[in-house]
N, C-alpha and C. Protein backbone atom coordinates (compact mmCIF):
# COMPACT_ATOMS: atom_id res chain seq x y z
N MET A 1 0.69 38.11 14.65
CA MET A 1 -0.51 38.85 15.11
C MET A 1 -1.53 37.97 15.46
N ALA A 2 -2.23 38.43 16.66
CA ALA A 2 -3.28 37.59 17.06
C ALA A 2 -4.59 37.80 16.46
N ALA A 3 -5.38 36.86 16.40
CA ALA A 3 -6.74 36.91 15.90
C ALA A 3 -7.73 36.52 17.03
N ASN A 4 -8.99 37.36 17.21
CA ASN A 4 -9.85 36.88 18.15
C ASN A 4 -11.04 36.33 17.49
N GLN A 5 -11.42 35.20 17.83
CA GLN A 5 -12.38 34.31 17.39
C GLN A 5 -13.38 33.76 18.61
N GLY A 6 -14.53 34.44 18.57
CA GLY A 6 -15.36 33.97 19.70
C GLY A 6 -15.03 34.23 21.09
N GLY A 7 -14.22 35.37 21.21
CA GLY A 7 -13.67 35.78 22.46
C GLY A 7 -12.19 34.99 22.96
N ARG A 8 -11.85 34.03 22.03
CA ARG A 8 -10.52 33.55 22.35
C ARG A 8 -9.54 34.03 21.38
N THR A 9 -8.43 34.35 22.05
CA THR A 9 -7.22 34.95 21.33
C THR A 9 -6.35 33.83 20.66
N ARG A 10 -5.97 33.90 19.43
CA ARG A 10 -5.23 32.76 18.74
C ARG A 10 -3.96 33.47 18.28
N ARG A 11 -2.86 33.04 18.69
CA ARG A 11 -1.54 33.75 18.41
C ARG A 11 -1.04 33.02 17.06
N ARG A 12 -0.75 33.92 15.93
CA ARG A 12 -0.24 33.24 14.85
C ARG A 12 1.27 32.69 14.93
N LEU A 13 1.37 31.51 14.54
CA LEU A 13 2.60 30.86 14.86
C LEU A 13 3.64 31.39 13.75
N SER A 14 4.88 31.65 14.50
CA SER A 14 6.10 31.80 13.57
C SER A 14 6.38 30.55 12.70
N THR A 15 7.14 30.81 11.66
CA THR A 15 7.63 29.80 10.76
C THR A 15 8.07 28.34 11.55
N GLU A 16 9.08 28.64 12.47
CA GLU A 16 9.59 27.48 13.17
C GLU A 16 8.48 26.95 14.08
N GLU A 17 7.67 27.63 14.81
CA GLU A 17 6.73 27.03 15.65
C GLU A 17 5.65 26.30 14.84
N ARG A 18 5.23 26.65 13.64
CA ARG A 18 4.47 25.96 12.67
C ARG A 18 4.99 24.72 12.14
N ARG A 19 6.33 24.74 11.79
CA ARG A 19 7.06 23.66 11.26
C ARG A 19 7.13 22.53 12.43
N GLU A 20 7.38 23.06 13.82
CA GLU A 20 7.40 22.13 14.84
C GLU A 20 6.08 21.45 15.16
N GLN A 21 4.98 22.26 15.05
CA GLN A 21 3.66 21.67 15.21
C GLN A 21 3.39 20.67 14.23
N LEU A 22 3.70 20.82 12.83
CA LEU A 22 3.47 19.91 11.88
C LEU A 22 4.25 18.65 12.12
N LEU A 23 5.38 18.60 12.45
CA LEU A 23 6.31 17.60 12.85
C LEU A 23 5.73 16.87 14.13
N SER A 24 5.25 17.49 14.92
CA SER A 24 4.68 16.69 16.16
C SER A 24 3.42 16.03 15.65
N VAL A 25 2.75 16.54 14.77
CA VAL A 25 1.49 15.87 14.46
C VAL A 25 2.01 14.67 13.64
N GLY A 26 2.85 14.78 12.71
CA GLY A 26 3.44 13.70 11.94
C GLY A 26 4.13 12.60 12.79
N ALA A 27 4.81 12.78 13.88
CA ALA A 27 5.34 11.95 14.77
C ALA A 27 4.18 11.12 15.42
N ARG A 28 3.06 11.64 15.77
CA ARG A 28 2.21 10.82 16.44
C ARG A 28 1.54 10.03 15.33
N LEU A 29 1.00 10.47 14.23
CA LEU A 29 0.45 9.74 13.12
C LEU A 29 1.33 8.57 12.66
N PHE A 30 2.52 8.92 12.46
CA PHE A 30 3.47 7.75 11.90
C PHE A 30 3.70 6.77 13.08
N SER A 31 3.74 7.10 14.48
CA SER A 31 3.73 6.21 15.39
C SER A 31 2.63 5.36 15.55
N GLU A 32 1.48 5.87 14.94
CA GLU A 32 0.20 4.98 15.35
C GLU A 32 -0.31 4.25 14.12
N ASN A 33 0.28 4.60 12.99
CA ASN A 33 -0.24 3.93 11.75
C ASN A 33 1.02 3.75 10.79
N PRO A 34 0.71 2.63 9.85
CA PRO A 34 1.80 2.37 8.84
C PRO A 34 1.87 3.66 7.93
N TYR A 35 3.08 3.70 7.39
CA TYR A 35 3.44 4.90 6.55
C TYR A 35 2.39 5.16 5.34
N ASP A 36 1.88 4.10 4.72
CA ASP A 36 0.82 4.17 3.58
C ASP A 36 -0.36 4.74 4.04
N ASP A 37 -0.88 4.61 5.45
CA ASP A 37 -2.06 4.94 5.93
C ASP A 37 -2.09 6.51 6.47
N VAL A 38 -1.04 7.08 6.41
CA VAL A 38 -1.03 8.49 6.87
C VAL A 38 -1.15 9.37 5.61
N TRP A 39 -2.10 10.33 5.59
CA TRP A 39 -2.33 11.11 4.45
C TRP A 39 -2.18 12.61 4.81
N ILE A 40 -1.48 13.19 3.75
CA ILE A 40 -1.03 14.52 4.17
C ILE A 40 -2.37 15.50 4.50
N GLU A 41 -3.50 15.15 3.92
CA GLU A 41 -4.73 15.88 4.14
C GLU A 41 -5.17 15.60 5.57
N GLN A 42 -4.74 14.64 6.19
CA GLN A 42 -5.07 14.17 7.70
C GLN A 42 -4.04 15.09 8.62
N VAL A 43 -2.91 15.28 8.10
CA VAL A 43 -2.00 15.96 8.97
C VAL A 43 -2.35 17.43 8.87
N ALA A 44 -2.84 18.07 7.74
CA ALA A 44 -3.32 19.43 7.64
C ALA A 44 -4.41 19.59 8.47
N GLU A 45 -5.42 18.71 8.48
CA GLU A 45 -6.67 18.88 9.18
C GLU A 45 -6.46 18.85 10.67
N ILE A 46 -5.55 17.93 11.23
CA ILE A 46 -5.34 18.02 12.51
C ILE A 46 -4.56 19.35 13.02
N ALA A 47 -3.67 19.72 12.14
CA ALA A 47 -2.79 20.95 12.57
C ALA A 47 -3.56 22.25 12.23
N GLY A 48 -4.80 22.16 11.58
CA GLY A 48 -5.64 23.37 11.35
C GLY A 48 -4.92 24.17 10.25
N VAL A 49 -4.17 23.70 9.18
CA VAL A 49 -3.60 24.30 8.14
C VAL A 49 -4.22 23.77 6.78
N SER A 50 -3.90 24.56 5.80
CA SER A 50 -4.25 24.03 4.59
C SER A 50 -3.35 23.02 3.99
N ARG A 51 -3.65 22.21 3.06
CA ARG A 51 -2.75 21.21 2.50
C ARG A 51 -1.56 22.02 1.76
N GLY A 52 -1.95 23.07 1.05
CA GLY A 52 -1.00 23.80 0.34
C GLY A 52 0.06 24.41 1.33
N LEU A 53 -0.09 24.78 2.64
CA LEU A 53 0.70 25.42 3.47
C LEU A 53 1.58 24.11 3.93
N LEU A 54 1.06 23.07 4.07
CA LEU A 54 1.89 21.84 4.43
C LEU A 54 2.98 21.62 3.51
N TYR A 55 2.45 21.56 2.20
CA TYR A 55 3.35 21.20 1.00
C TYR A 55 4.34 22.40 0.90
N HIS A 56 4.06 23.71 1.41
CA HIS A 56 4.98 24.69 1.42
C HIS A 56 6.30 24.45 2.26
N TYR A 57 6.01 23.79 3.38
CA TYR A 57 7.02 23.32 4.47
C TYR A 57 7.73 22.01 3.80
N PHE A 58 7.04 21.12 3.36
CA PHE A 58 7.50 19.79 2.92
C PHE A 58 6.93 19.32 1.62
N PRO A 59 7.74 19.52 0.55
CA PRO A 59 7.02 19.26 -0.64
C PRO A 59 6.53 18.17 -0.99
N THR A 60 6.88 16.89 -0.52
CA THR A 60 6.33 15.48 -0.64
C THR A 60 6.19 14.88 0.59
N LYS A 61 5.30 13.90 0.62
CA LYS A 61 5.16 13.10 1.94
C LYS A 61 6.47 12.43 2.41
N ARG A 62 7.33 11.91 1.56
CA ARG A 62 8.58 11.38 1.76
C ARG A 62 9.42 12.48 2.48
N ASP A 63 9.38 13.73 2.02
CA ASP A 63 10.21 14.77 2.61
C ASP A 63 9.58 14.96 4.15
N PHE A 64 8.41 14.99 4.14
CA PHE A 64 7.66 15.11 5.62
C PHE A 64 8.23 14.05 6.62
N PHE A 65 7.93 12.83 5.97
CA PHE A 65 8.24 11.55 6.80
C PHE A 65 9.95 11.71 7.31
N ALA A 66 10.78 12.10 6.24
CA ALA A 66 12.01 12.21 6.48
C ALA A 66 12.41 13.26 7.52
N ALA A 67 11.74 14.50 7.49
CA ALA A 67 11.89 15.38 8.55
C ALA A 67 11.30 14.95 9.83
N VAL A 68 10.24 14.24 9.91
CA VAL A 68 9.78 13.63 11.12
C VAL A 68 10.82 12.76 11.81
N VAL A 69 11.50 11.86 11.03
CA VAL A 69 12.45 10.89 11.45
C VAL A 69 13.71 11.58 12.05
N GLU A 70 14.07 12.70 11.23
CA GLU A 70 15.23 13.44 11.61
C GLU A 70 14.84 14.19 13.10
N ARG A 71 13.85 14.79 13.14
CA ARG A 71 13.47 15.31 14.35
C ARG A 71 13.49 14.38 15.69
N GLU A 72 12.77 13.04 15.47
CA GLU A 72 12.87 12.04 16.39
C GLU A 72 14.37 11.53 16.66
N SER A 73 15.13 11.62 15.83
CA SER A 73 16.40 10.90 15.92
C SER A 73 17.24 12.00 16.73
N VAL A 74 17.04 13.29 16.53
CA VAL A 74 17.69 14.29 17.37
C VAL A 74 17.17 14.03 18.75
N ARG A 75 15.96 13.89 18.95
CA ARG A 75 15.14 13.88 20.44
C ARG A 75 15.78 12.60 21.07
N MET A 76 15.92 11.51 20.37
CA MET A 76 16.45 10.19 20.89
C MET A 76 17.87 10.39 21.31
N LEU A 77 18.73 11.13 20.65
CA LEU A 77 20.04 11.30 20.88
C LEU A 77 20.18 12.03 22.39
N ARG A 78 19.26 13.14 22.36
CA ARG A 78 19.21 13.92 23.60
C ARG A 78 18.73 12.99 24.84
N MET A 79 17.87 12.14 24.59
CA MET A 79 17.15 11.27 25.74
C MET A 79 18.23 10.27 26.24
N THR A 80 19.13 9.74 25.26
CA THR A 80 19.95 8.58 25.44
C THR A 80 21.52 9.14 25.63
N ALA A 81 21.59 10.41 25.79
CA ALA A 81 23.09 11.04 25.94
C ALA A 81 23.67 10.47 27.26
N ALA A 82 24.94 10.24 27.07
CA ALA A 82 25.77 9.60 28.26
C ALA A 82 25.91 10.79 29.42
N VAL A 83 25.92 10.27 30.69
CA VAL A 83 26.14 11.27 31.78
C VAL A 83 27.69 11.13 31.92
N PRO A 84 28.26 12.33 31.75
CA PRO A 84 29.86 12.30 31.98
C PRO A 84 30.25 11.86 33.34
N GLY A 85 31.32 11.15 33.29
CA GLY A 85 31.88 10.55 34.55
C GLY A 85 31.33 9.31 35.02
N VAL A 86 30.22 8.86 34.45
CA VAL A 86 29.51 7.65 34.96
C VAL A 86 29.81 6.53 34.14
N PRO A 87 30.29 5.43 34.61
CA PRO A 87 30.70 4.30 33.80
C PRO A 87 29.53 3.89 32.75
N VAL A 88 30.04 3.46 31.52
CA VAL A 88 29.13 3.13 30.56
C VAL A 88 28.40 1.83 30.95
N ARG A 89 28.93 0.92 31.56
CA ARG A 89 28.20 -0.24 32.18
C ARG A 89 26.99 0.22 33.00
N GLU A 90 27.27 1.10 33.76
CA GLU A 90 26.05 1.62 34.59
C GLU A 90 24.98 2.26 33.96
N GLN A 91 25.22 2.86 32.72
CA GLN A 91 24.32 3.61 32.01
C GLN A 91 23.66 2.95 30.88
N LEU A 92 24.25 1.83 30.52
CA LEU A 92 23.75 1.15 29.33
C LEU A 92 22.39 0.66 29.42
N ALA A 93 22.00 -0.03 30.45
CA ALA A 93 20.64 -0.60 30.64
C ALA A 93 19.65 0.59 30.57
N ALA A 94 19.92 1.62 31.34
CA ALA A 94 18.92 2.74 31.37
C ALA A 94 18.70 3.31 29.92
N GLY A 95 19.74 3.40 29.30
CA GLY A 95 19.98 4.14 28.01
C GLY A 95 19.02 3.26 27.00
N LEU A 96 19.33 1.87 26.86
CA LEU A 96 18.64 0.90 26.16
C LEU A 96 17.00 0.83 26.51
N ASP A 97 16.70 1.05 27.92
CA ASP A 97 15.35 1.04 28.25
C ASP A 97 14.57 2.24 27.62
N VAL A 98 15.35 3.44 27.62
CA VAL A 98 14.62 4.48 27.00
C VAL A 98 14.52 4.30 25.55
N PHE A 99 15.62 3.69 24.89
CA PHE A 99 15.38 3.39 23.38
C PHE A 99 14.37 2.50 23.03
N LEU A 100 14.32 1.44 23.80
CA LEU A 100 13.33 0.39 23.51
C LEU A 100 11.94 0.69 23.71
N ALA A 101 11.57 1.70 24.75
CA ALA A 101 10.27 2.17 25.06
C ALA A 101 9.79 3.07 23.86
N TYR A 102 10.96 3.80 23.28
CA TYR A 102 10.66 4.66 22.16
C TYR A 102 10.23 3.77 20.95
N VAL A 103 11.20 2.69 20.73
CA VAL A 103 10.75 1.82 19.56
C VAL A 103 9.40 1.11 19.57
N GLU A 104 8.99 0.81 20.84
CA GLU A 104 7.72 0.15 21.17
C GLU A 104 6.64 1.02 20.78
N GLU A 105 6.91 2.20 21.14
CA GLU A 105 5.76 3.37 21.12
C GLU A 105 5.56 3.76 19.74
N HIS A 106 6.79 3.85 18.93
CA HIS A 106 6.74 4.33 17.67
C HIS A 106 6.99 3.30 16.74
N ALA A 107 6.46 2.04 16.84
CA ALA A 107 6.76 0.98 16.08
C ALA A 107 6.70 1.01 14.61
N HIS A 108 5.35 1.62 14.19
CA HIS A 108 5.20 1.98 12.71
C HIS A 108 6.33 2.75 12.16
N GLY A 109 6.55 3.87 12.80
CA GLY A 109 7.42 4.81 12.31
C GLY A 109 8.84 4.02 12.21
N PHE A 110 9.25 3.29 13.19
CA PHE A 110 10.54 2.60 13.24
C PHE A 110 10.63 1.63 12.06
N ARG A 111 9.72 0.88 11.77
CA ARG A 111 9.66 -0.15 10.77
C ARG A 111 9.67 0.76 9.50
N ALA A 112 8.99 1.64 9.24
CA ALA A 112 8.69 2.43 8.09
C ALA A 112 10.23 2.96 7.73
N PHE A 113 10.82 3.65 8.66
CA PHE A 113 12.12 4.19 8.53
C PHE A 113 12.93 3.22 7.93
N HIS A 114 13.20 1.83 8.24
CA HIS A 114 14.06 1.00 7.88
C HIS A 114 13.73 0.39 6.56
N ARG A 115 12.42 0.20 6.50
CA ARG A 115 11.85 -0.24 5.16
C ARG A 115 12.27 0.66 4.13
N ALA A 116 12.12 1.95 4.35
CA ALA A 116 12.34 2.99 3.39
C ALA A 116 13.83 3.15 2.87
N ASP A 117 14.60 2.87 3.87
CA ASP A 117 16.01 2.90 3.70
C ASP A 117 16.33 1.64 2.80
N ALA A 118 15.83 0.55 3.10
CA ALA A 118 16.23 -0.55 2.30
C ALA A 118 15.67 -0.57 0.82
N ALA A 119 14.61 0.33 0.72
CA ALA A 119 14.05 0.50 -0.53
C ALA A 119 14.94 1.53 -1.49
N GLY A 120 15.84 2.12 -0.80
CA GLY A 120 16.64 3.12 -1.40
C GLY A 120 16.11 4.58 -1.65
N ASP A 121 15.07 4.75 -0.82
CA ASP A 121 14.68 6.26 -0.96
C ASP A 121 15.72 7.15 -0.32
N GLN A 122 16.11 8.12 -1.28
CA GLN A 122 17.05 9.02 -1.10
C GLN A 122 17.02 9.87 0.05
N ALA A 123 15.74 10.32 0.07
CA ALA A 123 15.52 11.46 1.25
C ALA A 123 15.68 10.89 2.68
N VAL A 124 14.93 9.69 2.79
CA VAL A 124 15.17 8.96 4.07
C VAL A 124 16.41 8.32 4.19
N ARG A 125 17.17 7.81 3.16
CA ARG A 125 18.41 7.26 3.40
C ARG A 125 19.32 8.46 3.93
N ARG A 126 19.44 9.39 3.47
CA ARG A 126 20.22 10.70 4.10
C ARG A 126 20.03 10.77 5.42
N VAL A 127 18.67 10.81 5.78
CA VAL A 127 18.41 10.99 7.24
C VAL A 127 18.89 9.74 7.99
N TYR A 128 18.77 8.72 7.54
CA TYR A 128 18.99 7.25 8.16
C TYR A 128 20.64 7.35 8.45
N GLN A 129 21.34 7.86 7.35
CA GLN A 129 22.84 7.86 7.49
C GLN A 129 23.49 8.84 8.47
N ARG A 130 22.72 10.08 8.40
CA ARG A 130 23.06 11.00 9.56
C ARG A 130 22.82 10.53 10.96
N SER A 131 21.69 9.91 11.02
CA SER A 131 21.19 9.23 12.38
C SER A 131 22.21 8.43 12.78
N LEU A 132 22.49 7.34 11.91
CA LEU A 132 23.49 6.43 12.47
C LEU A 132 24.74 6.86 12.73
N ALA A 133 25.27 7.99 12.01
CA ALA A 133 26.55 8.56 12.17
C ALA A 133 26.44 9.20 13.51
N ALA A 134 25.42 10.02 13.78
CA ALA A 134 25.25 10.62 15.10
C ALA A 134 25.32 9.61 16.31
N GLN A 135 24.66 8.66 16.09
CA GLN A 135 24.52 7.56 17.31
C GLN A 135 25.97 6.82 17.48
N GLU A 136 26.58 6.58 16.43
CA GLU A 136 27.97 6.09 16.28
C GLU A 136 28.81 6.90 17.10
N ARG A 137 28.99 8.25 16.86
CA ARG A 137 29.62 9.27 17.40
C ARG A 137 29.39 9.44 18.80
N GLN A 138 28.04 9.38 19.26
CA GLN A 138 27.71 9.35 20.59
C GLN A 138 28.19 8.36 21.53
N ILE A 139 28.01 7.13 20.88
CA ILE A 139 28.53 6.04 21.67
C ILE A 139 30.12 5.97 21.87
N LEU A 140 30.75 6.33 20.70
CA LEU A 140 32.30 6.18 20.73
C LEU A 140 32.74 7.43 21.74
N ALA A 141 32.00 8.54 21.83
CA ALA A 141 32.50 9.57 22.82
C ALA A 141 32.42 9.00 24.26
N ALA A 142 31.12 8.40 24.42
CA ALA A 142 30.87 7.81 25.79
C ALA A 142 31.97 6.79 26.21
N LEU A 143 32.30 5.96 25.22
CA LEU A 143 33.45 4.88 25.58
C LEU A 143 34.72 5.56 25.67
N GLU A 144 35.02 6.37 24.98
CA GLU A 144 36.36 7.16 25.13
C GLU A 144 36.34 7.84 26.40
N ALA A 145 35.30 8.36 27.01
CA ALA A 145 35.27 9.16 28.11
C ALA A 145 35.00 8.23 29.40
N ASP A 146 34.82 6.99 29.16
CA ASP A 146 34.67 6.04 30.25
C ASP A 146 35.71 5.79 31.16
N PRO A 147 35.85 5.83 32.42
CA PRO A 147 36.88 5.75 33.25
C PRO A 147 37.28 4.16 33.30
N GLU A 148 36.51 3.37 32.88
CA GLU A 148 36.99 1.83 32.80
C GLU A 148 37.45 1.47 31.51
N LEU A 149 36.85 1.85 30.40
CA LEU A 149 37.01 1.48 28.98
C LEU A 149 37.65 2.47 28.20
N GLY A 150 37.93 3.64 28.66
CA GLY A 150 38.40 4.95 27.93
C GLY A 150 39.80 4.53 27.31
N ARG A 151 40.68 4.12 28.10
CA ARG A 151 42.03 3.95 27.67
C ARG A 151 42.12 3.01 26.60
N ALA A 152 41.55 1.81 26.72
CA ALA A 152 41.49 0.84 25.85
C ALA A 152 40.63 1.04 24.53
N ALA A 153 39.73 1.85 24.64
CA ALA A 153 38.77 2.30 23.59
C ALA A 153 39.71 3.27 22.58
N GLY A 154 40.64 4.14 23.12
CA GLY A 154 41.42 4.96 22.31
C GLY A 154 42.43 4.34 21.71
N GLN A 155 42.69 2.98 21.98
CA GLN A 155 43.83 2.44 21.26
C GLN A 155 43.26 1.44 20.23
N ARG A 156 42.05 1.28 20.12
CA ARG A 156 41.45 0.35 19.19
C ARG A 156 41.01 0.88 17.89
N PRO A 157 41.60 0.62 16.91
CA PRO A 157 41.42 1.27 15.54
C PRO A 157 40.00 0.48 14.90
N ASP A 158 39.77 -0.78 15.49
CA ASP A 158 38.47 -1.37 15.02
C ASP A 158 37.06 -0.99 15.80
N LEU A 159 37.28 -0.12 16.81
CA LEU A 159 36.22 0.11 17.68
C LEU A 159 35.03 0.70 17.04
N ARG A 160 35.33 1.64 15.94
CA ARG A 160 34.25 2.32 15.24
C ARG A 160 33.58 1.38 14.34
N ILE A 161 34.16 0.39 13.82
CA ILE A 161 33.44 -0.64 12.96
C ILE A 161 32.60 -1.59 13.88
N ALA A 162 33.13 -1.78 15.13
CA ALA A 162 32.38 -2.72 16.04
C ALA A 162 31.34 -1.97 16.43
N VAL A 163 31.14 -0.75 16.79
CA VAL A 163 30.05 0.03 17.20
C VAL A 163 29.02 -0.01 16.08
N ARG A 164 29.55 0.26 14.85
CA ARG A 164 28.70 0.29 13.83
C ARG A 164 27.92 -1.05 13.63
N GLY A 165 28.66 -2.19 13.63
CA GLY A 165 28.19 -3.46 13.83
C GLY A 165 27.09 -3.65 14.76
N TRP A 166 27.29 -3.11 16.09
CA TRP A 166 26.59 -3.30 17.13
C TRP A 166 25.09 -2.54 16.71
N LEU A 167 25.25 -1.32 16.24
CA LEU A 167 24.08 -0.52 15.80
C LEU A 167 23.21 -1.32 14.95
N ALA A 168 23.73 -2.09 13.87
CA ALA A 168 23.01 -2.84 12.93
C ALA A 168 22.46 -4.05 13.55
N PHE A 169 23.15 -4.69 14.54
CA PHE A 169 22.72 -5.90 15.39
C PHE A 169 21.38 -5.43 16.21
N THR A 170 21.46 -4.22 16.91
CA THR A 170 20.29 -3.65 17.76
C THR A 170 19.15 -3.38 16.92
N THR A 171 19.38 -2.82 15.74
CA THR A 171 18.25 -2.68 14.67
C THR A 171 17.50 -4.13 14.30
N ALA A 172 18.30 -4.93 13.99
CA ALA A 172 17.80 -6.26 13.64
C ALA A 172 17.09 -6.77 14.59
N VAL A 173 17.51 -6.68 16.12
CA VAL A 173 16.92 -7.37 17.24
C VAL A 173 15.60 -6.67 17.39
N CYS A 174 15.49 -5.35 17.34
CA CYS A 174 14.37 -4.51 17.38
C CYS A 174 13.44 -4.96 16.43
N LEU A 175 13.76 -5.02 15.16
CA LEU A 175 12.71 -5.32 14.14
C LEU A 175 12.12 -6.86 14.45
N GLU A 176 12.92 -7.73 14.83
CA GLU A 176 12.33 -9.06 15.13
C GLU A 176 11.54 -8.98 16.36
N TRP A 177 11.82 -8.33 17.22
CA TRP A 177 11.04 -8.03 18.52
C TRP A 177 9.64 -7.47 18.09
N LEU A 178 9.70 -6.38 17.39
CA LEU A 178 8.34 -5.91 16.71
C LEU A 178 7.54 -6.85 15.96
N ARG A 179 8.23 -7.74 15.22
CA ARG A 179 7.39 -8.69 14.59
C ARG A 179 6.74 -9.93 15.39
N GLY A 180 7.18 -9.85 16.67
CA GLY A 180 6.34 -10.61 17.54
C GLY A 180 7.46 -11.72 18.24
N ALA A 181 8.73 -11.60 18.23
CA ALA A 181 9.75 -12.47 18.93
C ALA A 181 9.19 -12.56 20.53
N GLU A 182 9.13 -13.72 20.94
CA GLU A 182 8.71 -13.84 22.43
C GLU A 182 9.83 -13.53 23.31
N LEU A 183 9.96 -12.25 23.32
CA LEU A 183 11.10 -11.66 24.34
C LEU A 183 10.41 -10.42 24.96
N SER A 184 10.78 -10.37 26.35
CA SER A 184 10.28 -9.10 26.92
C SER A 184 11.12 -8.01 26.58
N ARG A 185 10.75 -6.72 27.00
CA ARG A 185 11.63 -5.61 26.62
C ARG A 185 12.89 -5.76 27.53
N GLU A 186 12.78 -6.47 28.67
CA GLU A 186 13.94 -6.60 29.69
C GLU A 186 15.04 -7.62 28.87
N GLN A 187 14.31 -8.53 28.40
CA GLN A 187 15.21 -9.59 27.72
C GLN A 187 15.97 -9.00 26.48
N VAL A 188 15.19 -8.21 25.67
CA VAL A 188 15.80 -7.56 24.55
C VAL A 188 16.88 -6.54 24.96
N ARG A 189 16.54 -5.84 26.08
CA ARG A 189 17.68 -4.90 26.65
C ARG A 189 18.93 -5.63 27.07
N ASP A 190 18.79 -6.72 27.82
CA ASP A 190 19.98 -7.37 28.27
C ASP A 190 20.71 -8.00 27.16
N LEU A 191 19.99 -8.61 26.11
CA LEU A 191 20.63 -9.15 24.94
C LEU A 191 21.58 -8.05 24.26
N CYS A 192 20.89 -6.83 24.00
CA CYS A 192 21.80 -5.86 23.31
C CYS A 192 22.92 -5.34 24.20
N ALA A 193 22.64 -5.31 25.61
CA ALA A 193 23.54 -4.65 26.43
C ALA A 193 24.92 -5.72 26.45
N ARG A 194 24.62 -7.14 26.51
CA ARG A 194 25.71 -7.97 26.58
C ARG A 194 26.54 -7.88 25.12
N ALA A 195 25.65 -7.74 23.96
CA ALA A 195 26.42 -7.66 22.81
C ALA A 195 27.48 -6.48 22.59
N LEU A 196 27.08 -5.32 23.14
CA LEU A 196 27.73 -4.08 23.14
C LEU A 196 28.92 -4.29 23.99
N LEU A 197 28.70 -4.77 25.31
CA LEU A 197 29.89 -4.97 26.17
C LEU A 197 30.88 -6.07 25.73
N GLY A 198 30.35 -6.99 25.06
CA GLY A 198 31.21 -8.12 24.43
C GLY A 198 32.15 -7.47 23.32
N VAL A 199 31.66 -6.41 22.64
CA VAL A 199 32.25 -5.85 21.54
C VAL A 199 33.39 -4.91 22.18
N VAL A 200 33.15 -4.35 22.98
CA VAL A 200 33.94 -3.19 23.76
C VAL A 200 34.89 -3.57 24.77
N ALA A 201 34.49 -4.70 25.44
CA ALA A 201 35.28 -5.23 26.46
C ALA A 201 36.81 -5.28 26.20
N PRO A 202 37.72 -4.78 27.17
CA PRO A 202 39.16 -4.94 26.70
C PRO A 202 39.55 -6.50 26.87
């Protein structure tokens, strides 16, 4: 139902729309601030809802952060999805550019995500594991569909482990880059691209 305040009509948000609004606010705040500097009260104020309503959707701050990370992980998978029929070598640089731009823009959230996983937080660990598994499946599917690498990829039982190792390598490189390593985004991109091609090359 819509409410009229001062001549403006405000539509009541559905449950899904409200949840999406809160996650959007969270994504912005966690990208701009360290985890410990983001307060639930601040999220509620920006979204124009009560703190109680926010806790209705997300019982704890960790649950909220985990949901933000999961939403962003799904978004990143869509942004970096392979184009069918185009060789992986041709798509790799563009996909890494998108990923590294995201990492740079959401540096606080990226670091907090990996710190929380290392600390053993179960809610974030589950999201982390699902995110890695989804990335792994997406990369393997792209390799297996690749006109150049596909046949060899389908015959390599070690490829899944190799891709998993590459994801860990890329994460470590990105964290070092964010700490101030003297590398440009293009240099980081090329380093990660060479590493993956070295792993998967027949």
